[in-house]
Structure formats: C-alpha cells, structure tokens
Amino acid sequence: MDNKERLLNDINVIDFALVELTQYLDTHPYDCNAMEYFNHYARIKNQLMKEFSMKYYPLTKDLAESNKEWRWGMAPLPWEGVCC
C-alpha cells in the first residue's frame, strides 16, 4: 500500500469512528469523554484531509484552495473505480 492509499485508508477509518461517535452522542449528549474523543478524531481527520489535498488532490471543495492551479478537477471520478 503506497502513501496515497494509506492516507485514504486512515481517513476512512477515522471517518467511521466519527460516525459511530456521532450516533453515540445523539443518545448521550452529555458524555464529556465521548465529546473529547469526537473532537480529537475530528481534528486528526481534518489534518489528514488537508495533508492528502496538498499532496494529491482535494477530497472536498473547501480543500480545493490553491495559489497555482484549480485542482478540484484532478480527482478521479467515482466510476473510475479509485475513489474511497
């Protein structure tokens, strides 16, 4: 697995954890420990997504910022079979 695939995998794993934490927090909104975990993993995911966007292509439009070129169109399309 190359670095690009590793980063995408890490983003997917953390996103899964965030979805699970969101569902838990929907039923336990006052659990401070769960909220700390959520915030921690949300920061990590944002950092990884920025890192991926700088090295390869933006995963979301808000990460498409660039001084040199518009990179949003560089991402593979879903039907090309390489999207996460």
N, C-alpha and C. Protein backbone atom coordinates (compact mmCIF):
# COMPACT_ATOMS: atom_id res chain seq x y z
N MET A 1 0.85 -1.17 0.00
CA MET A 1 0.00 0.00 0.00
C MET A 1 0.90 1.24 0.00
N ASP A 2 0.71 2.10 -0.98
CA ASP A 2 1.52 3.31 -1.05
C ASP A 2 0.96 4.38 -0.10
N ASN A 3 1.67 5.50 -0.02
CA ASN A 3 1.30 6.55 0.93
C ASN A 3 -0.08 7.12 0.63
N LYS A 4 -0.42 7.26 -0.65
CA LYS A 4 -1.73 7.80 -1.04
C LYS A 4 -2.84 6.89 -0.53
N GLU A 5 -2.71 5.59 -0.76
CA GLU A 5 -3.71 4.63 -0.30
C GLU A 5 -3.77 4.58 1.22
N ARG A 6 -2.63 4.68 1.88
CA ARG A 6 -2.57 4.67 3.33
C ARG A 6 -3.31 5.87 3.92
N LEU A 7 -3.08 7.05 3.33
CA LEU A 7 -3.78 8.25 3.81
C LEU A 7 -5.29 8.11 3.62
N LEU A 8 -5.72 7.64 2.45
CA LEU A 8 -7.15 7.45 2.21
C LEU A 8 -7.74 6.44 3.19
N ASN A 9 -7.02 5.38 3.45
CA ASN A 9 -7.49 4.38 4.40
C ASN A 9 -7.60 4.97 5.80
N ASP A 10 -6.60 5.72 6.22
CA ASP A 10 -6.64 6.34 7.55
C ASP A 10 -7.82 7.31 7.67
N ILE A 11 -8.07 8.07 6.62
CA ILE A 11 -9.21 9.00 6.63
C ILE A 11 -10.52 8.22 6.75
N ASN A 12 -10.63 7.13 6.02
CA ASN A 12 -11.85 6.30 6.09
C ASN A 12 -12.05 5.69 7.47
N VAL A 13 -10.99 5.20 8.08
CA VAL A 13 -11.09 4.59 9.41
C VAL A 13 -11.54 5.63 10.43
N ILE A 14 -10.92 6.80 10.39
CA ILE A 14 -11.27 7.85 11.34
C ILE A 14 -12.70 8.34 11.08
N ASP A 15 -13.09 8.43 9.82
CA ASP A 15 -14.45 8.85 9.50
C ASP A 15 -15.46 7.86 10.05
N PHE A 16 -15.16 6.57 9.97
CA PHE A 16 -16.04 5.55 10.54
C PHE A 16 -16.20 5.76 12.04
N ALA A 17 -15.08 6.01 12.72
CA ALA A 17 -15.12 6.26 14.16
C ALA A 17 -15.96 7.50 14.47
N LEU A 18 -15.84 8.53 13.65
CA LEU A 18 -16.62 9.75 13.87
C LEU A 18 -18.11 9.50 13.68
N VAL A 19 -18.48 8.69 12.71
CA VAL A 19 -19.89 8.36 12.51
C VAL A 19 -20.43 7.62 13.73
N GLU A 20 -19.67 6.67 14.23
CA GLU A 20 -20.09 5.92 15.41
C GLU A 20 -20.19 6.83 16.64
N LEU A 21 -19.21 7.70 16.81
CA LEU A 21 -19.26 8.64 17.94
C LEU A 21 -20.44 9.59 17.82
N THR A 22 -20.76 10.01 16.60
CA THR A 22 -21.91 10.88 16.39
C THR A 22 -23.20 10.19 16.81
N GLN A 23 -23.34 8.94 16.42
CA GLN A 23 -24.54 8.19 16.80
C GLN A 23 -24.61 8.02 18.31
N TYR A 24 -23.48 7.75 18.94
CA TYR A 24 -23.47 7.62 20.40
C TYR A 24 -23.84 8.94 21.06
N LEU A 25 -23.26 10.04 20.57
CA LEU A 25 -23.53 11.34 21.16
C LEU A 25 -24.98 11.79 20.94
N ASP A 26 -25.62 11.28 19.89
CA ASP A 26 -27.04 11.59 19.69
C ASP A 26 -27.89 11.08 20.85
N THR A 27 -27.47 9.99 21.46
CA THR A 27 -28.23 9.41 22.58
C THR A 27 -27.61 9.69 23.93
N HIS A 28 -26.36 10.19 23.94
CA HIS A 28 -25.66 10.51 25.19
C HIS A 28 -25.00 11.89 25.06
N PRO A 29 -25.79 12.94 24.91
CA PRO A 29 -25.23 14.25 24.59
C PRO A 29 -24.39 14.89 25.70
N TYR A 30 -24.45 14.35 26.89
CA TYR A 30 -23.69 14.94 27.99
C TYR A 30 -22.46 14.14 28.38
N ASP A 31 -22.06 13.18 27.55
CA ASP A 31 -20.88 12.36 27.82
C ASP A 31 -19.64 13.14 27.38
N CYS A 32 -18.97 13.75 28.35
CA CYS A 32 -17.81 14.60 28.06
C CYS A 32 -16.65 13.82 27.45
N ASN A 33 -16.45 12.59 27.91
CA ASN A 33 -15.36 11.78 27.35
C ASN A 33 -15.60 11.49 25.87
N ALA A 34 -16.82 11.16 25.52
CA ALA A 34 -17.14 10.88 24.12
C ALA A 34 -16.97 12.14 23.28
N MET A 35 -17.34 13.28 23.82
CA MET A 35 -17.17 14.54 23.08
C MET A 35 -15.69 14.85 22.88
N GLU A 36 -14.86 14.57 23.88
CA GLU A 36 -13.42 14.75 23.73
C GLU A 36 -12.85 13.84 22.64
N TYR A 37 -13.29 12.58 22.63
CA TYR A 37 -12.86 11.65 21.57
C TYR A 37 -13.29 12.17 20.20
N PHE A 38 -14.55 12.63 20.11
CA PHE A 38 -15.05 13.14 18.84
C PHE A 38 -14.19 14.31 18.36
N ASN A 39 -13.95 15.27 19.23
CA ASN A 39 -13.14 16.44 18.85
C ASN A 39 -11.72 16.03 18.45
N HIS A 40 -11.14 15.10 19.18
CA HIS A 40 -9.79 14.62 18.89
C HIS A 40 -9.72 14.00 17.49
N TYR A 41 -10.64 13.10 17.20
CA TYR A 41 -10.62 12.43 15.89
C TYR A 41 -11.04 13.36 14.76
N ALA A 42 -11.91 14.32 15.04
CA ALA A 42 -12.28 15.31 14.01
C ALA A 42 -11.07 16.15 13.62
N ARG A 43 -10.25 16.53 14.60
CA ARG A 43 -9.03 17.29 14.30
C ARG A 43 -8.05 16.45 13.47
N ILE A 44 -7.89 15.19 13.85
CA ILE A 44 -6.99 14.30 13.10
C ILE A 44 -7.48 14.14 11.67
N LYS A 45 -8.78 13.92 11.48
CA LYS A 45 -9.33 13.75 10.14
C LYS A 45 -9.10 15.00 9.30
N ASN A 46 -9.36 16.17 9.87
CA ASN A 46 -9.13 17.42 9.14
C ASN A 46 -7.68 17.58 8.74
N GLN A 47 -6.78 17.23 9.64
CA GLN A 47 -5.35 17.32 9.35
C GLN A 47 -4.97 16.36 8.22
N LEU A 48 -5.45 15.12 8.27
CA LEU A 48 -5.15 14.15 7.23
C LEU A 48 -5.74 14.56 5.89
N MET A 49 -6.94 15.10 5.90
CA MET A 49 -7.56 15.54 4.64
C MET A 49 -6.80 16.70 4.03
N LYS A 50 -6.32 17.62 4.85
CA LYS A 50 -5.50 18.73 4.33
C LYS A 50 -4.19 18.20 3.76
N GLU A 51 -3.58 17.27 4.48
CA GLU A 51 -2.32 16.67 4.00
C GLU A 51 -2.55 15.97 2.66
N PHE A 52 -3.61 15.18 2.56
CA PHE A 52 -3.90 14.48 1.32
C PHE A 52 -4.15 15.48 0.19
N SER A 53 -4.90 16.53 0.47
CA SER A 53 -5.23 17.53 -0.54
C SER A 53 -4.00 18.26 -1.05
N MET A 54 -3.07 18.51 -0.18
CA MET A 54 -1.85 19.20 -0.60
C MET A 54 -0.97 18.29 -1.46
N LYS A 55 -0.92 17.00 -1.14
CA LYS A 55 -0.04 16.07 -1.85
C LYS A 55 -0.66 15.55 -3.15
N TYR A 56 -1.98 15.33 -3.17
CA TYR A 56 -2.59 14.64 -4.30
C TYR A 56 -3.69 15.48 -4.96
N TYR A 57 -4.86 15.49 -4.39
CA TYR A 57 -5.99 16.26 -4.91
C TYR A 57 -6.97 16.47 -3.75
N PRO A 58 -7.78 17.52 -3.83
CA PRO A 58 -8.72 17.79 -2.74
C PRO A 58 -9.85 16.76 -2.70
N LEU A 59 -10.22 16.37 -1.50
CA LEU A 59 -11.31 15.42 -1.31
C LEU A 59 -12.66 16.13 -1.18
N THR A 60 -12.63 17.39 -0.82
CA THR A 60 -13.84 18.21 -0.74
C THR A 60 -13.54 19.56 -1.37
N LYS A 61 -14.59 20.25 -1.79
CA LYS A 61 -14.39 21.53 -2.47
C LYS A 61 -13.74 22.57 -1.58
N ASP A 62 -14.01 22.52 -0.28
CA ASP A 62 -13.42 23.52 0.60
C ASP A 62 -11.91 23.32 0.77
N LEU A 63 -11.39 22.17 0.35
CA LEU A 63 -9.95 21.93 0.39
C LEU A 63 -9.30 22.14 -0.98
N ALA A 64 -10.04 22.69 -1.92
CA ALA A 64 -9.53 22.87 -3.28
C ALA A 64 -8.71 24.14 -3.44
N GLU A 65 -8.48 24.87 -2.38
CA GLU A 65 -7.75 26.12 -2.49
C GLU A 65 -6.33 25.88 -3.02
N SER A 66 -5.90 26.76 -3.88
CA SER A 66 -4.58 26.63 -4.46
C SER A 66 -4.16 27.97 -5.03
N ASN A 67 -2.90 28.27 -4.94
CA ASN A 67 -2.39 29.52 -5.49
C ASN A 67 -2.00 29.36 -6.95
N LYS A 68 -1.68 28.15 -7.37
CA LYS A 68 -1.13 27.92 -8.70
C LYS A 68 -2.17 27.44 -9.71
N GLU A 69 -3.03 26.51 -9.30
CA GLU A 69 -3.96 25.91 -10.24
C GLU A 69 -5.21 25.41 -9.51
N TRP A 70 -6.29 25.29 -10.24
CA TRP A 70 -7.53 24.75 -9.70
C TRP A 70 -7.42 23.23 -9.75
N ARG A 71 -7.33 22.60 -8.58
CA ARG A 71 -7.04 21.17 -8.50
C ARG A 71 -8.27 20.30 -8.28
N TRP A 72 -9.45 20.90 -8.14
CA TRP A 72 -10.65 20.10 -7.87
C TRP A 72 -10.90 19.10 -8.99
N GLY A 73 -10.66 19.49 -10.21
CA GLY A 73 -10.90 18.61 -11.35
C GLY A 73 -9.89 17.50 -11.51
N MET A 74 -8.84 17.47 -10.68
CA MET A 74 -7.81 16.44 -10.79
C MET A 74 -8.22 15.14 -10.12
N ALA A 75 -9.23 15.17 -9.27
CA ALA A 75 -9.63 13.97 -8.54
C ALA A 75 -10.27 12.96 -9.48
N PRO A 76 -10.02 11.67 -9.25
CA PRO A 76 -10.67 10.65 -10.08
C PRO A 76 -12.18 10.66 -9.84
N LEU A 77 -12.93 10.31 -10.86
CA LEU A 77 -14.38 10.27 -10.75
C LEU A 77 -14.81 8.92 -10.16
N PRO A 78 -15.96 8.89 -9.49
CA PRO A 78 -16.39 7.64 -8.82
C PRO A 78 -16.44 6.44 -9.75
N TRP A 79 -16.85 6.62 -11.00
CA TRP A 79 -16.97 5.48 -11.91
C TRP A 79 -15.61 5.02 -12.45
N GLU A 80 -14.55 5.74 -12.07
CA GLU A 80 -13.22 5.29 -12.48
C GLU A 80 -12.67 4.23 -11.51
N GLY A 81 -13.41 3.98 -10.42
CA GLY A 81 -13.08 2.89 -9.51
C GLY A 81 -11.94 3.15 -8.56
N VAL A 82 -11.52 4.39 -8.37
CA VAL A 82 -10.41 4.65 -7.47
C VAL A 82 -10.79 5.55 -6.30
N CYS A 83 -12.03 5.98 -6.23
CA CYS A 83 -12.47 6.82 -5.12
C CYS A 83 -12.70 5.97 -3.88
N CYS A 84 -12.52 6.61 -2.75
CA CYS A 84 -12.72 5.87 -1.49
C CYS A 84 -14.17 5.67 -1.18
